[in-house]
Amino acid sequence: MRTALIGANGQLGTDLRLRLPGDVLALDLPEFDVTRADQVRNALHDYRPDWVINCAALTNVDACENAPAECFAVNAVGAAVVARAAAQAAARLAYISTDYVFGAAGERSQPYQEDDLPGPVNTYGVCKLAGEHLSLAHCPDALIVRTCGLYGHAGARGKGGNFVETMLRLADNGQKVRVVNDQRLSPTATADCAAKVVELLLVNARGIVHAAAQGVCTWFEFAREIFTLARRTVDLRPISSADYAAPARRPMFSALGSRRLAALGLTPCRSWREMLAEYLAARAPRPPEPNEIAGVECCRTSGAASRGIGPE
């Protein structure tokens, strides 16, 4: 199998590079830009892949809210550029999407399934949903993989790491931590998501498939489990989304379930607790990075507070 992997140096792309069988063409910024149609077309024409996996995205939700044109250029128009080039190269397309295409349904307690009606509540979610439609418009047999709350050892360049690493960094710095406790999701390790994407390619899946951890938790509950498993003692307390007041609205519930995996003969993803335990066991120490995650308010022991960009 020959695969062109776009966004190959990101969190998910890094784990995909380790797992994809056959020959892999790794493409990423700054040398490769999905907004450059000629560049994308030439790369795929020359390589002639069997599959094109589009992981490229602007995932900083608050930055997307403040710069909607840039968000749309990458997450929607860029998706169309890649899909058109994939079709011209006679390649199958896999587009990586997000739980943030959901959230406008109001009160909900059960994970979203593939046939549930999307309803994004922020610019990022709107642009990713547009990316899904544009991918399918140019490649009707495209595979759309939605996932949720990704964290991986490579970190997210647009967010200064990932939620797990941010929590551990705050703990090691002796900071008080305040995390939102009214946004429910299914946080997913990129290693597990990448493994499921490979399985989907190997069975030639098409259409929308959810690949996210089983189980539901809030960001606060996720943080508490991180500190418990990592044996960190932290002053951790819950806050509301209203108290945090991030620029972009977040879904109150965006956990994902999947009926399609079973229909394709594939096993479900593991629970979020299993994924987290394995991630922490394999974690290598990292140097501090100057950024925080939205939904997290960190207070230094002096009482000063800082806030930063966020998880999806």
Protein backbone atom coordinates (compact mmCIF):
# COMPACT_ATOMS: atom_id res chain seq x y z
CA MET A 1 0.00 0.00 0.00
CA ARG A 2 1.21 3.48 -0.90
CA THR A 3 -0.04 6.26 1.37
CA ALA A 4 0.38 10.03 1.16
CA LEU A 5 0.11 11.26 4.75
CA ILE A 6 -0.68 14.98 5.01
CA GLY A 7 0.01 16.52 8.42
CA ALA A 8 2.58 13.81 9.07
CA ASN A 9 4.39 15.66 11.88
CA GLY A 10 1.33 16.34 14.03
CA GLN A 11 0.11 14.29 16.99
CA LEU A 12 -1.99 11.86 14.97
CA GLY A 13 0.25 11.99 11.90
CA THR A 14 3.27 10.94 13.95
CA ASP A 15 1.49 7.83 15.23
CA LEU A 16 0.15 7.04 11.78
CA ARG A 17 3.68 7.13 10.34
CA LEU A 18 4.66 4.43 12.83
CA ARG A 19 1.73 2.17 11.95
CA LEU A 20 0.94 2.52 8.26
CA PRO A 21 2.02 -0.51 6.22
CA GLY A 22 3.87 -0.20 2.95
CA ASP A 23 5.35 2.98 1.53
CA VAL A 24 4.48 6.31 3.15
CA LEU A 25 5.04 9.79 1.72
CA ALA A 26 5.14 12.15 4.73
CA LEU A 27 3.94 15.68 3.88
CA ASP A 28 3.73 18.67 6.22
CA LEU A 29 4.46 22.34 6.73
CA PRO A 30 6.50 24.31 5.87
CA GLU A 31 7.41 22.39 2.72
CA PHE A 32 3.84 21.26 1.99
CA ASP A 33 0.77 23.49 2.36
CA VAL A 34 -2.80 22.29 1.71
CA THR A 35 -3.79 25.81 0.65
CA ARG A 36 -1.38 25.57 -2.32
CA ALA A 37 -3.42 23.71 -4.92
CA ASP A 38 -0.55 23.36 -7.39
CA GLN A 39 1.75 21.97 -4.72
CA VAL A 40 -0.83 19.43 -3.54
CA ARG A 41 -1.75 18.37 -7.07
CA ASN A 42 1.87 17.89 -8.14
CA ALA A 43 2.83 15.90 -5.04
CA LEU A 44 -0.06 13.44 -5.40
CA HIS A 45 0.29 13.19 -9.17
CA ASP A 46 3.97 12.30 -8.89
CA TYR A 47 3.56 9.82 -6.01
CA ARG A 48 0.36 8.08 -7.17
CA PRO A 49 -0.78 6.85 -3.74
CA ASP A 50 -3.43 4.25 -3.05
CA TRP A 51 -4.63 6.32 -0.08
CA VAL A 52 -4.36 9.98 0.87
CA ILE A 53 -4.84 10.68 4.59
CA ASN A 54 -5.59 14.32 5.34
CA CYS A 55 -4.68 15.13 8.96
CA ALA A 56 -3.86 18.77 8.19
CA ALA A 57 -5.92 21.19 10.28
CA LEU A 58 -5.91 24.30 12.38
CA THR A 59 -7.08 22.86 15.73
CA ASN A 60 -6.62 25.84 18.04
CA VAL A 61 -10.31 26.45 18.63
CA ASP A 62 -10.00 29.94 20.10
CA ALA A 63 -7.60 31.07 17.38
CA CYS A 64 -10.05 29.77 14.77
CA GLU A 65 -12.82 31.80 16.37
CA ASN A 66 -10.69 34.94 16.13
CA ALA A 67 -9.48 34.22 12.57
CA PRO A 68 -12.34 32.50 10.73
CA ALA A 69 -10.95 33.17 7.25
CA GLU A 70 -7.70 31.37 8.06
CA CYS A 71 -9.62 28.52 9.69
CA PHE A 72 -11.84 28.12 6.63
CA ALA A 73 -8.86 28.32 4.26
CA VAL A 74 -7.15 25.32 5.89
CA ASN A 75 -9.94 23.22 7.38
CA ALA A 76 -12.47 23.58 4.57
CA VAL A 77 -10.90 24.92 1.36
CA GLY A 78 -7.69 22.98 2.09
CA ALA A 79 -9.77 19.82 2.47
CA ALA A 80 -11.34 20.48 -0.92
CA VAL A 81 -7.91 21.04 -2.50
CA VAL A 82 -6.65 17.71 -1.14
CA ALA A 83 -9.82 15.85 -2.13
CA ARG A 84 -9.74 17.20 -5.68
CA ALA A 85 -6.07 16.24 -6.06
CA ALA A 86 -6.74 12.78 -4.62
CA ALA A 87 -9.53 12.24 -7.13
CA GLN A 88 -7.28 13.37 -9.99
CA ALA A 89 -4.62 10.91 -8.81
CA ALA A 90 -7.23 8.09 -8.60
CA ALA A 91 -6.48 7.68 -4.87
CA ARG A 92 -8.82 6.89 -1.99
CA LEU A 93 -9.18 9.68 0.59
CA ALA A 94 -9.37 9.60 4.38
CA TYR A 95 -10.24 12.92 6.04
CA ILE A 96 -9.71 13.28 9.79
CA SER A 97 -12.54 15.19 11.45
CA THR A 98 -13.68 16.03 14.96
CA ASP A 99 -16.33 15.66 17.64
CA TYR A 100 -16.77 19.44 17.38
CA VAL A 101 -19.09 18.97 14.39
CA PHE A 102 -21.61 18.24 17.18
CA GLY A 103 -22.78 20.16 20.22
CA ALA A 104 -25.81 22.22 19.28
CA ALA A 105 -28.37 19.57 20.21
CA GLY A 106 -28.77 20.83 23.78
CA GLU A 107 -29.04 18.34 26.64
CA ARG A 108 -27.53 14.97 25.76
CA SER A 109 -26.20 12.00 27.72
CA GLN A 110 -25.43 9.36 25.05
CA PRO A 111 -22.41 9.49 22.71
CA TYR A 112 -23.06 10.73 19.20
CA GLN A 113 -23.29 8.04 16.52
CA GLU A 114 -22.29 8.38 12.88
CA ASP A 115 -25.86 9.00 11.70
CA ASP A 116 -26.63 11.73 14.26
CA LEU A 117 -27.25 15.17 12.79
CA PRO A 118 -24.22 17.48 13.16
CA GLY A 119 -24.63 20.91 14.73
CA PRO A 120 -21.36 22.75 15.46
CA VAL A 121 -21.29 25.63 17.93
CA ASN A 122 -18.03 27.34 16.93
CA THR A 123 -16.02 28.34 13.85
CA TYR A 124 -13.66 25.39 14.13
CA GLY A 125 -16.54 22.90 14.11
CA VAL A 126 -18.28 24.66 11.22
CA CYS A 127 -15.10 24.61 9.12
CA LYS A 128 -14.37 20.93 9.87
CA LEU A 129 -17.94 20.00 8.95
CA ALA A 130 -17.49 21.93 5.70
CA GLY A 131 -14.26 19.97 5.19
CA GLU A 132 -16.21 16.72 5.52
CA HIS A 133 -18.76 17.79 2.91
CA LEU A 134 -16.14 19.09 0.50
CA SER A 135 -14.08 15.91 0.85
CA LEU A 136 -17.13 13.81 0.00
CA ALA A 137 -18.13 16.14 -2.84
CA HIS A 138 -14.85 15.51 -4.65
CA CYS A 139 -14.34 11.92 -3.43
CA PRO A 140 -17.76 10.30 -2.90
CA ASP A 141 -16.13 7.11 -1.55
CA ALA A 142 -13.99 9.05 0.95
CA LEU A 143 -13.54 7.82 4.52
CA ILE A 144 -14.38 10.46 7.15
CA VAL A 145 -12.91 9.59 10.55
CA ARG A 146 -14.21 11.64 13.46
CA THR A 147 -12.30 11.49 16.71
CA CYS A 148 -12.36 13.32 20.03
CA GLY A 149 -10.01 15.05 22.48
CA LEU A 150 -6.78 13.80 20.94
CA TYR A 151 -3.53 13.64 22.90
CA GLY A 152 -0.29 12.05 21.78
CA HIS A 153 3.40 11.92 22.56
CA ALA A 154 4.21 14.21 19.63
CA GLY A 155 2.12 17.03 21.11
CA ALA A 156 -0.02 19.51 19.21
CA ARG A 157 2.06 22.28 17.69
CA GLY A 158 -0.82 24.75 17.67
CA LYS A 159 -1.57 24.19 21.35
CA GLY A 160 1.81 23.97 23.01
CA GLY A 161 1.68 20.24 23.73
CA ASN A 162 -1.48 18.46 24.81
CA PHE A 163 -3.87 18.40 27.74
CA VAL A 164 -2.09 15.57 29.58
CA GLU A 165 1.33 17.19 29.32
CA THR A 166 -0.10 20.54 30.39
CA MET A 167 -1.66 19.01 33.48
CA LEU A 168 1.58 17.29 34.47
CA ARG A 169 3.60 20.43 33.84
CA LEU A 170 1.30 22.47 36.09
CA ALA A 171 1.54 19.82 38.79
CA ASP A 172 5.32 19.70 38.62
CA ASN A 173 5.43 23.50 38.86
CA GLY A 174 3.33 23.42 42.03
CA GLN A 175 0.48 25.39 40.47
CA LYS A 176 -3.17 25.40 41.44
CA VAL A 177 -5.28 23.98 38.64
CA ARG A 178 -8.87 24.86 37.74
CA VAL A 179 -10.49 22.79 34.97
CA VAL A 180 -13.96 23.00 33.44
CA ASN A 181 -16.37 20.38 34.73
CA ASP A 182 -19.35 20.90 32.42
CA GLN A 183 -17.95 19.80 29.06
CA ARG A 184 -18.24 16.05 28.50
CA LEU A 185 -16.19 14.16 25.90
CA SER A 186 -14.32 10.92 25.18
CA PRO A 187 -10.59 11.81 25.27
CA THR A 188 -8.62 9.65 22.85
CA ALA A 189 -4.95 8.72 22.59
CA THR A 190 -3.53 9.27 19.11
CA ALA A 191 -1.89 5.82 19.23
CA ASP A 192 -5.31 4.17 19.47
CA CYS A 193 -6.88 6.46 16.89
CA ALA A 194 -4.02 5.82 14.45
CA ALA A 195 -4.33 2.05 14.89
CA LYS A 196 -8.06 2.25 14.16
CA VAL A 197 -7.50 4.41 11.07
CA VAL A 198 -5.10 1.78 9.70
CA GLU A 199 -7.70 -0.94 10.33
CA LEU A 200 -10.28 1.14 8.44
CA LEU A 201 -7.95 1.56 5.46
CA LEU A 202 -7.26 -2.16 5.34
CA VAL A 203 -10.98 -2.99 5.11
CA ASN A 204 -11.50 -0.24 2.51
CA ALA A 205 -14.02 1.58 4.68
CA ARG A 206 -15.93 4.53 3.28
CA GLY A 207 -18.32 7.09 4.68
CA ILE A 208 -18.32 8.42 8.24
CA VAL A 209 -16.79 6.36 11.06
CA HIS A 210 -16.19 7.44 14.66
CA ALA A 211 -12.89 6.41 16.23
CA ALA A 212 -12.81 7.62 19.82
CA ALA A 213 -12.34 6.19 23.29
CA GLN A 214 -15.21 4.42 24.97
CA GLY A 215 -16.68 6.14 28.00
CA VAL A 216 -17.48 9.74 28.85
CA CYS A 217 -15.86 12.19 31.24
CA THR A 218 -15.50 15.92 31.79
CA TRP A 219 -12.17 17.69 31.34
CA PHE A 220 -12.04 17.98 35.14
CA GLU A 221 -12.57 14.23 35.58
CA PHE A 222 -9.91 13.57 32.95
CA ALA A 223 -7.47 15.84 34.80
CA ARG A 224 -8.23 14.13 38.10
CA GLU A 225 -7.50 10.72 36.57
CA ILE A 226 -4.23 12.03 35.11
CA PHE A 227 -3.06 13.17 38.53
CA THR A 228 -4.22 9.95 40.19
CA LEU A 229 -2.43 7.66 37.73
CA ALA A 230 0.67 9.86 37.67
CA ARG A 231 0.69 10.04 41.48
CA ARG A 232 0.73 13.82 41.60
CA THR A 233 -0.70 15.80 44.50
CA VAL A 234 -2.35 18.91 43.09
CA ASP A 235 -4.77 21.60 44.22
CA LEU A 236 -7.34 20.72 41.55
CA ARG A 237 -10.80 22.26 41.54
CA PRO A 238 -13.68 22.40 39.03
CA ILE A 239 -14.91 25.55 37.31
CA SER A 240 -17.69 26.17 34.82
CA SER A 241 -17.31 27.12 31.18
CA ALA A 242 -18.92 30.45 32.06
CA ASP A 243 -16.24 31.06 34.70
CA TYR A 244 -13.52 30.26 32.20
CA ALA A 245 -15.02 32.44 29.43
CA ALA A 246 -12.98 31.19 26.45
CA PRO A 247 -13.38 33.13 23.17
CA ALA A 248 -14.97 30.14 21.40
CA ARG A 249 -18.03 28.34 22.70
CA ARG A 250 -17.44 24.61 23.39
CA PRO A 251 -19.97 21.79 23.16
CA MET A 252 -21.33 20.78 26.53
CA PHE A 253 -21.39 17.19 25.25
CA SER A 254 -19.37 15.83 22.32
CA ALA A 255 -18.50 12.23 23.22
CA LEU A 256 -18.49 9.86 20.26
CA GLY A 257 -19.76 6.32 19.92
CA SER A 258 -19.60 4.07 16.86
CA ARG A 259 -22.04 1.60 15.36
CA ARG A 260 -20.07 1.54 12.12
CA LEU A 261 -16.98 -0.13 13.59
CA ALA A 262 -19.02 -3.19 14.51
CA ALA A 263 -20.76 -3.14 11.13
CA LEU A 264 -17.33 -3.21 9.47
CA GLY A 265 -16.27 -6.17 11.63
CA LEU A 266 -13.87 -4.09 13.71
CA THR A 267 -13.52 -3.99 17.48
CA PRO A 268 -14.42 -0.82 19.39
CA CYS A 269 -11.76 1.50 20.73
CA ARG A 270 -10.56 0.98 24.30
CA SER A 271 -11.84 2.98 27.25
CA TRP A 272 -10.38 6.42 27.86
CA ARG A 273 -8.92 5.22 31.18
CA GLU A 274 -7.05 2.34 29.49
CA MET A 275 -5.66 4.69 26.86
CA LEU A 276 -4.53 7.20 29.47
CA ALA A 277 -2.83 4.57 31.62
CA GLU A 278 -0.85 3.29 28.65
CA TYR A 279 0.07 6.81 27.54
CA LEU A 280 1.42 7.68 30.99
CA ALA A 281 3.33 4.40 31.25
CA ALA A 282 5.09 5.09 27.94
CA ARG A 283 5.61 8.79 28.58
CA ALA A 284 9.13 10.23 28.42
CA PRO A 285 9.95 13.34 30.48
CA ARG A 286 9.52 16.56 28.48
CA PRO A 287 10.94 20.06 28.87
CA PRO A 288 8.43 22.75 29.87
CA GLU A 289 6.51 24.44 27.07
CA PRO A 290 5.07 28.00 27.31
CA ASN A 291 1.38 27.42 26.75
CA GLU A 292 -1.77 26.26 28.49
CA ILE A 293 -4.94 24.52 27.40
CA ALA A 294 -8.35 26.18 27.18
CA GLY A 295 -10.75 25.01 29.84
CA VAL A 296 -7.79 25.13 32.21
CA GLU A 297 -7.04 28.01 34.49
CA CYS A 298 -3.72 27.73 36.28
CA CYS A 299 -3.00 29.84 39.34
CA ARG A 300 0.55 30.28 40.55
CA THR A 301 1.13 30.04 44.26
CA SER A 302 1.49 33.82 44.34
CA GLY A 303 -2.12 34.06 43.15
CA ALA A 304 -1.40 35.19 39.57
CA ALA A 305 -3.47 33.48 36.89
CA SER A 306 -2.81 32.69 33.24
CA ARG A 307 -4.92 31.24 30.49
CA GLY A 308 -4.18 29.91 27.01
CA ILE A 309 -5.32 28.07 23.94
CA GLY A 310 -7.42 25.00 24.11
CA PRO A 311 -8.30 21.45 23.41
CA GLU A 312 -10.87 20.84 20.75
